[in-house]
Amino acid sequence: MKYTITGGAGFIGSTLADKLIEDDHEVVVLDNLSSGDRLNLHPKAKFLHYDMRDVPPEALYHIEGTDVLFHCAAKARVQPSLLDPLGYNDINVRGTLNILEIARALNIRRVVYSSSSSVYGDTDVLPTHECVATAPLSPYGLQKLIGEQYCRVYSECFDLETVCLRYFNVYGERQPPSGAYKLVMATFIGQKHKGLPMTIRGDGSQKRDFTYVGDVVRANILAADSDKVGKGEAINIGASNNVSIQELADMIEGPVEYVDAVKEPGETLADNTLASELLGWRPRGVLSTWIKDYLEHHQWRFHMANETK
C-alpha cells in the first residue's frame, strides 16, 4: 500500500512513517522542515521538501497513487498561536484546504486528519466525549476545528473519505526538545538535565491526559483501514487517565519553581469510547513507566538532540 504523510519529518509524522515502512508499505513524506528534522526521516521514505500550501506539479507526481494521506503537518501549540494568529491561520487552515484539494484531485481514497483536544477549550464535561460543544480558547484550537469542518465538507460534497483524530497531549521519544513546539514534559526533562528547577505555571493543579505517540500512530493506522469511518468523524485519541502538572514534575523528580499562570484549560480528560467502537483502539502506553525508562536509558538522546538545536 502507498501512503503520504504531511509533516512526516515531525514528531508524530515520522513515528508513523517508521511504523508503515516497518510493515512494508511505500511512504511519501511531504515536509518543509520548518519544525521537522531531517534526522527523523526514514531512509526508505520518499522525501518531498515542499510547503503544503504550495506543492508543485512535479511533487504531485510522487503523491499520485496514494491510498491514504495522513495530514499531520501543522503549526502547533496554543500559546505561540496567540502571538501569530495570521501566520498560524495561513498554515493550519489554508494548508489543510490545499491538502484536501490535492487529495481530491489525485483521487486519494481517504484523508486522516490530525486534530487536537484544543477544540474543546476549557470544558467542564469530564471525561470529554465528542458530542461536547467545542469552544476553542486559542487561534490554534479554532484552526484545528476549522480543519475538521473542512474534512466533513469534503466528505459530503466531494465523496472524499475523511476522519479526524483529536489528540490529547502526545508524548514520546521524538518529542521536540527545544523551540516553540516543545511541550511541558520535554521542558521538565530538559531542565532536569541541566540541573535547573522545573518551572510550573500557576500552582500545578491543572491536569492533562498524556497519550503515548505509539498509541497515536496505531490510531492513525486503524483510522486508515476502518470501514466504520470516512465521513469526517471526530474521534478522541487520549489515554483517559490524566495527571496534574505537579504530579508530572514529581514523576520526573527534582526541584520546582512556580511562575505566572497562562490562559489554558484547567483539565483535559478524553472519553475514548468512540475510538474503541469505531477503530477498535485502546491506549497501551503508561506515562509513569515511560518516564522512568526514558530517564534511566534514553536521556542521552534528548541531550544530543538539544545540543544540535
Protein backbone atom coordinates (compact mmCIF):
# COMPACT_ATOMS: atom_id res chain seq x y z
CA MET A 1 0.00 0.00 0.00
CA LYS A 2 1.15 3.57 -0.66
CA TYR A 3 0.76 6.30 1.96
CA THR A 4 1.60 10.01 2.04
CA ILE A 5 2.32 11.83 5.30
CA THR A 6 2.36 15.61 5.55
CA GLY A 7 4.65 16.67 8.38
CA GLY A 8 6.38 13.31 8.09
CA ALA A 9 9.66 14.68 9.47
CA GLY A 10 7.99 15.79 12.68
CA PHE A 11 7.38 14.05 15.99
CA ILE A 12 4.18 12.15 15.22
CA GLY A 13 4.53 12.00 11.43
CA SER A 14 7.99 10.44 11.43
CA THR A 15 6.99 7.85 14.04
CA LEU A 16 4.02 6.95 11.84
CA ALA A 17 6.28 6.74 8.76
CA ASP A 18 8.66 4.37 10.54
CA LYS A 19 5.81 2.04 11.50
CA LEU A 20 4.33 1.97 7.99
CA ILE A 21 7.72 1.27 6.41
CA GLU A 22 8.37 -1.42 9.02
CA ASP A 23 5.14 -3.02 7.80
CA ASP A 24 6.48 -2.96 4.20
CA HIS A 25 4.39 -0.09 2.86
CA GLU A 26 5.53 2.65 0.47
CA VAL A 27 5.70 6.04 2.20
CA VAL A 28 5.96 9.56 0.77
CA VAL A 29 6.80 12.36 3.20
CA LEU A 30 5.85 15.98 2.47
CA ASP A 31 7.52 18.42 4.87
CA ASN A 32 9.00 21.93 4.66
CA LEU A 33 11.24 21.22 7.70
CA SER A 34 10.08 24.38 9.48
CA SER A 35 9.73 22.30 12.64
CA GLY A 36 10.52 18.78 11.45
CA ASP A 37 14.03 17.32 11.40
CA ARG A 38 15.84 15.51 8.58
CA LEU A 39 17.26 13.17 11.21
CA ASN A 40 13.74 11.84 11.76
CA LEU A 41 13.33 10.80 8.12
CA HIS A 42 13.39 7.09 7.39
CA PRO A 43 15.89 6.31 4.61
CA LYS A 44 13.24 4.32 2.71
CA ALA A 45 10.73 7.19 2.67
CA LYS A 46 10.40 9.33 -0.46
CA PHE A 47 11.02 12.86 0.84
CA LEU A 48 9.40 15.90 -0.81
CA HIS A 49 10.82 19.12 0.61
CA TYR A 50 7.87 21.41 -0.05
CA ASP A 51 5.40 23.56 1.84
CA MET A 52 1.89 22.07 1.90
CA ARG A 53 0.47 25.42 0.81
CA ASP A 54 2.41 25.35 -2.45
CA VAL A 55 3.03 21.85 -3.79
CA PRO A 56 4.33 21.92 -7.40
CA PRO A 57 3.20 19.52 -10.16
CA GLU A 58 6.47 17.58 -10.02
CA ALA A 59 5.74 16.72 -6.38
CA LEU A 60 2.18 15.67 -7.15
CA TYR A 61 3.59 13.05 -9.48
CA HIS A 62 5.19 11.31 -6.49
CA ILE A 63 2.00 11.54 -4.40
CA GLU A 64 -0.18 10.10 -7.16
CA GLY A 65 -1.32 6.54 -6.40
CA THR A 66 -1.56 7.21 -2.66
CA ASP A 67 -4.31 5.22 -0.95
CA VAL A 68 -4.42 7.17 2.33
CA LEU A 69 -2.99 10.59 3.14
CA PHE A 70 -2.16 11.28 6.79
CA HIS A 71 -2.32 15.03 7.36
CA CYS A 72 -0.02 15.56 10.35
CA ALA A 73 1.54 18.87 9.26
CA ALA A 74 0.59 21.97 11.26
CA LYS A 75 1.94 24.96 13.07
CA ALA A 76 1.35 23.58 16.53
CA ARG A 77 0.71 24.65 20.13
CA VAL A 78 -1.70 27.00 21.79
CA GLN A 79 0.47 29.76 23.30
CA PRO A 80 2.56 30.58 20.17
CA SER A 81 -0.65 30.85 18.12
CA LEU A 82 -1.71 33.76 20.33
CA LEU A 83 1.39 35.64 19.19
CA ASP A 84 0.97 34.93 15.46
CA PRO A 85 -2.68 34.18 14.64
CA LEU A 86 -2.36 35.23 10.98
CA GLY A 87 0.68 33.04 10.34
CA TYR A 88 -0.91 30.10 12.12
CA ASN A 89 -4.15 30.52 10.18
CA ASP A 90 -2.36 30.58 6.83
CA ILE A 91 -0.62 27.28 7.52
CA ASN A 92 -3.26 25.44 9.53
CA VAL A 93 -6.35 26.47 7.56
CA ARG A 94 -5.16 27.29 4.04
CA GLY A 95 -2.60 24.50 4.20
CA THR A 96 -5.24 21.96 5.22
CA LEU A 97 -7.59 23.15 2.49
CA ASN A 98 -4.83 22.76 -0.09
CA ILE A 99 -4.09 19.21 1.09
CA LEU A 100 -7.77 18.29 0.78
CA GLU A 101 -7.78 19.72 -2.74
CA ILE A 102 -4.72 17.64 -3.62
CA ALA A 103 -6.38 14.52 -2.21
CA ARG A 104 -9.50 15.23 -4.26
CA ALA A 105 -7.57 15.93 -7.46
CA LEU A 106 -5.48 12.76 -7.14
CA ASN A 107 -8.44 10.54 -6.16
CA ILE A 108 -6.86 9.59 -2.85
CA ARG A 109 -9.27 7.29 -1.03
CA ARG A 110 -9.04 8.72 2.50
CA VAL A 111 -7.50 11.58 4.49
CA VAL A 112 -6.75 11.04 8.19
CA TYR A 113 -6.55 14.48 9.79
CA SER A 114 -4.57 15.21 12.95
CA SER A 115 -6.77 17.40 15.12
CA SER A 116 -6.46 18.37 18.76
CA SER A 117 -8.27 18.32 22.09
CA SER A 118 -7.76 22.10 21.99
CA VAL A 119 -11.03 22.30 20.06
CA TYR A 120 -12.93 21.73 23.34
CA GLY A 121 -11.44 24.70 25.19
CA ASP A 122 -11.95 24.68 28.95
CA THR A 123 -14.91 22.31 29.16
CA ASP A 124 -16.30 21.13 32.47
CA VAL A 125 -17.60 17.89 30.93
CA LEU A 126 -15.08 15.28 32.05
CA PRO A 127 -14.25 12.85 30.65
CA THR A 128 -14.93 14.74 27.44
CA HIS A 129 -16.81 12.96 24.66
CA GLU A 130 -17.06 14.05 21.05
CA CYS A 131 -20.60 15.45 21.40
CA VAL A 132 -19.45 18.08 23.90
CA ALA A 133 -19.74 21.61 22.49
CA THR A 134 -16.47 22.92 21.05
CA ALA A 135 -15.23 26.27 22.40
CA PRO A 136 -11.56 26.84 21.48
CA LEU A 137 -9.54 29.22 23.64
CA SER A 138 -6.86 29.97 21.05
CA PRO A 139 -6.33 30.55 17.33
CA TYR A 140 -4.68 27.12 17.16
CA GLY A 141 -7.71 25.36 18.66
CA LEU A 142 -10.07 27.23 16.35
CA GLN A 143 -7.95 26.43 13.29
CA LYS A 144 -7.94 22.73 14.13
CA LEU A 145 -11.73 22.85 14.42
CA ILE A 146 -12.00 24.60 11.04
CA GLY A 147 -9.82 21.83 9.58
CA GLU A 148 -12.28 19.24 10.93
CA GLN A 149 -15.18 21.12 9.36
CA TYR A 150 -13.39 21.25 6.02
CA CYS A 151 -12.87 17.49 6.22
CA ARG A 152 -16.58 16.90 6.77
CA VAL A 153 -17.48 19.25 3.92
CA TYR A 154 -15.14 17.45 1.53
CA SER A 155 -16.65 14.10 2.51
CA GLU A 156 -20.16 15.46 1.99
CA CYS A 157 -19.56 17.46 -1.19
CA PHE A 158 -16.80 15.55 -2.96
CA ASP A 159 -17.06 11.96 -1.63
CA LEU A 160 -13.55 12.15 -0.21
CA GLU A 161 -13.32 9.86 2.81
CA THR A 162 -12.04 11.73 5.86
CA VAL A 163 -11.66 11.07 9.59
CA CYS A 164 -10.42 13.49 12.27
CA LEU A 165 -8.41 12.36 15.28
CA ARG A 166 -8.41 14.66 18.30
CA TYR A 167 -5.10 14.06 20.08
CA PHE A 168 -4.70 14.63 23.80
CA ASN A 169 -1.19 15.79 24.88
CA VAL A 170 1.03 13.44 22.90
CA TYR A 171 4.40 12.41 24.36
CA GLY A 172 7.15 10.05 23.27
CA GLU A 173 10.73 9.53 22.20
CA ARG A 174 10.87 12.21 19.47
CA GLN A 175 9.01 14.97 21.27
CA PRO A 176 10.74 18.27 20.40
CA PRO A 177 13.48 19.02 22.96
CA SER A 178 13.57 22.77 22.28
CA GLY A 179 11.96 25.59 20.37
CA ALA A 180 8.35 26.78 20.05
CA TYR A 181 6.95 23.25 19.75
CA LYS A 182 8.47 21.97 22.99
CA LEU A 183 5.80 20.66 25.38
CA VAL A 184 5.78 20.62 29.17
CA MET A 185 7.28 17.15 29.54
CA ALA A 186 10.24 18.00 27.31
CA THR A 187 10.65 21.28 29.18
CA PHE A 188 10.83 19.47 32.52
CA ILE A 189 13.25 16.81 31.24
CA GLY A 190 15.50 19.47 29.72
CA GLN A 191 15.52 21.50 32.91
CA LYS A 192 16.32 18.42 34.98
CA HIS A 193 19.16 17.52 32.63
CA LYS A 194 20.66 21.00 33.06
CA GLY A 195 20.27 20.94 36.85
CA LEU A 196 17.59 23.64 36.78
CA PRO A 197 14.30 23.67 38.67
CA MET A 198 11.24 22.62 36.69
CA THR A 199 9.06 25.68 36.03
CA ILE A 200 5.39 25.11 36.79
CA ARG A 201 2.88 27.68 35.57
CA GLY A 202 0.35 28.51 38.27
CA ASP A 203 0.04 26.08 41.16
CA GLY A 204 0.45 22.92 39.08
CA SER A 205 -3.07 21.67 39.73
CA GLN A 206 -4.02 21.78 36.02
CA LYS A 207 -4.40 18.25 34.67
CA ARG A 208 -3.51 16.77 31.28
CA ASP A 209 -4.39 13.50 29.59
CA PHE A 210 -0.96 12.44 28.30
CA THR A 211 -1.11 9.99 25.38
CA TYR A 212 1.80 7.91 24.09
CA VAL A 213 2.89 8.55 20.50
CA GLY A 214 2.88 4.82 19.71
CA ASP A 215 -0.81 4.74 20.60
CA VAL A 216 -1.44 7.75 18.36
CA VAL A 217 0.35 6.03 15.46
CA ARG A 218 -1.74 2.91 15.96
CA ALA A 219 -4.91 5.05 15.97
CA ASN A 220 -3.92 6.59 12.63
CA ILE A 221 -3.36 3.20 11.02
CA LEU A 222 -6.65 1.87 12.37
CA ALA A 223 -8.42 5.01 11.11
CA ALA A 224 -6.94 4.43 7.66
CA ASP A 225 -8.38 0.93 7.49
CA SER A 226 -11.66 1.06 9.42
CA ASP A 227 -14.85 0.57 7.41
CA LYS A 228 -16.82 2.35 10.15
CA VAL A 229 -15.44 5.83 9.40
CA GLY A 230 -14.88 8.08 6.40
CA LYS A 231 -17.44 10.86 6.66
CA GLY A 232 -15.40 13.35 8.69
CA GLU A 233 -15.98 11.75 12.08
CA ALA A 234 -14.17 13.39 15.01
CA ILE A 235 -12.66 10.82 17.38
CA ASN A 236 -10.82 11.38 20.66
CA ILE A 237 -7.40 9.78 20.91
CA GLY A 238 -6.48 10.06 24.56
CA ALA A 239 -5.38 7.78 27.37
CA SER A 240 -8.38 8.73 29.55
CA ASN A 241 -6.08 8.86 32.57
CA ASN A 242 -4.93 12.38 33.40
CA VAL A 243 -2.35 13.66 35.87
CA SER A 244 -1.62 17.12 37.22
CA ILE A 245 1.43 19.08 36.11
CA GLN A 246 2.63 18.88 39.70
CA GLU A 247 2.31 15.07 39.58
CA LEU A 248 4.24 15.05 36.30
CA ALA A 249 7.07 17.01 37.92
CA ASP A 250 7.03 14.58 40.85
CA MET A 251 7.44 11.64 38.42
CA ILE A 252 10.47 13.28 36.80
CA GLU A 253 11.81 14.22 40.26
CA GLY A 254 13.68 17.38 41.12
CA PRO A 255 13.20 20.91 42.44
CA VAL A 256 10.39 23.05 41.04
CA GLU A 257 9.78 26.77 40.58
CA TYR A 258 6.29 28.27 40.29
CA VAL A 259 5.80 31.04 37.71
CA ASP A 260 2.86 33.04 36.41
CA ALA A 261 -0.07 31.10 35.00
CA VAL A 262 -1.22 31.41 31.38
CA LYS A 263 -4.68 31.07 29.85
CA GLU A 264 -5.23 27.33 29.40
CA PRO A 265 -7.79 24.64 30.19
CA GLY A 266 -7.86 23.57 33.81
CA GLU A 267 -8.18 19.90 32.89
CA THR A 268 -8.24 17.60 29.87
CA LEU A 269 -9.53 14.04 30.02
CA ALA A 270 -10.65 12.05 26.99
CA ASP A 271 -13.62 9.80 26.76
CA ASN A 272 -12.17 7.31 24.25
CA THR A 273 -15.26 5.09 23.94
CA LEU A 274 -15.84 6.13 20.32
CA ALA A 275 -12.27 5.24 19.35
CA SER A 276 -12.88 1.77 20.75
CA GLU A 277 -16.20 1.39 18.93
CA LEU A 278 -15.18 2.77 15.52
CA LEU A 279 -11.47 1.89 15.38
CA GLY A 280 -11.01 -0.94 17.84
CA TRP A 281 -8.44 1.27 19.60
CA ARG A 282 -7.37 1.20 23.22
CA PRO A 283 -4.38 3.04 24.72
CA ARG A 284 -1.44 0.93 25.87
CA GLY A 285 1.19 3.44 26.97
CA VAL A 286 1.78 4.03 30.69
CA LEU A 287 3.15 7.51 31.44
CA SER A 288 4.98 6.72 34.69
CA THR A 289 6.65 3.65 33.15
CA TRP A 290 7.75 5.61 30.06
CA ILE A 291 9.22 8.46 32.12
CA LYS A 292 11.18 6.05 34.32
CA ASP A 293 12.56 4.15 31.31
CA TYR A 294 13.39 7.33 29.42
CA LEU A 295 15.27 8.93 32.30
CA GLU A 296 17.19 5.72 33.01
CA HIS A 297 18.08 4.64 29.48
CA HIS A 298 17.36 7.28 26.83
CA GLN A 299 18.01 10.74 28.25
CA TRP A 300 21.30 10.91 26.34
CA ARG A 301 19.23 11.09 23.15
CA PHE A 302 17.41 14.11 24.47
CA HIS A 303 20.76 15.71 25.33
CA MET A 304 22.17 15.09 21.86
CA ALA A 305 19.05 16.46 20.15
CA ASN A 306 19.02 19.53 22.40
CA GLU A 307 22.66 20.27 21.79
CA THR A 308 22.13 20.34 17.98
CA LYS A 309 19.33 22.94 18.16
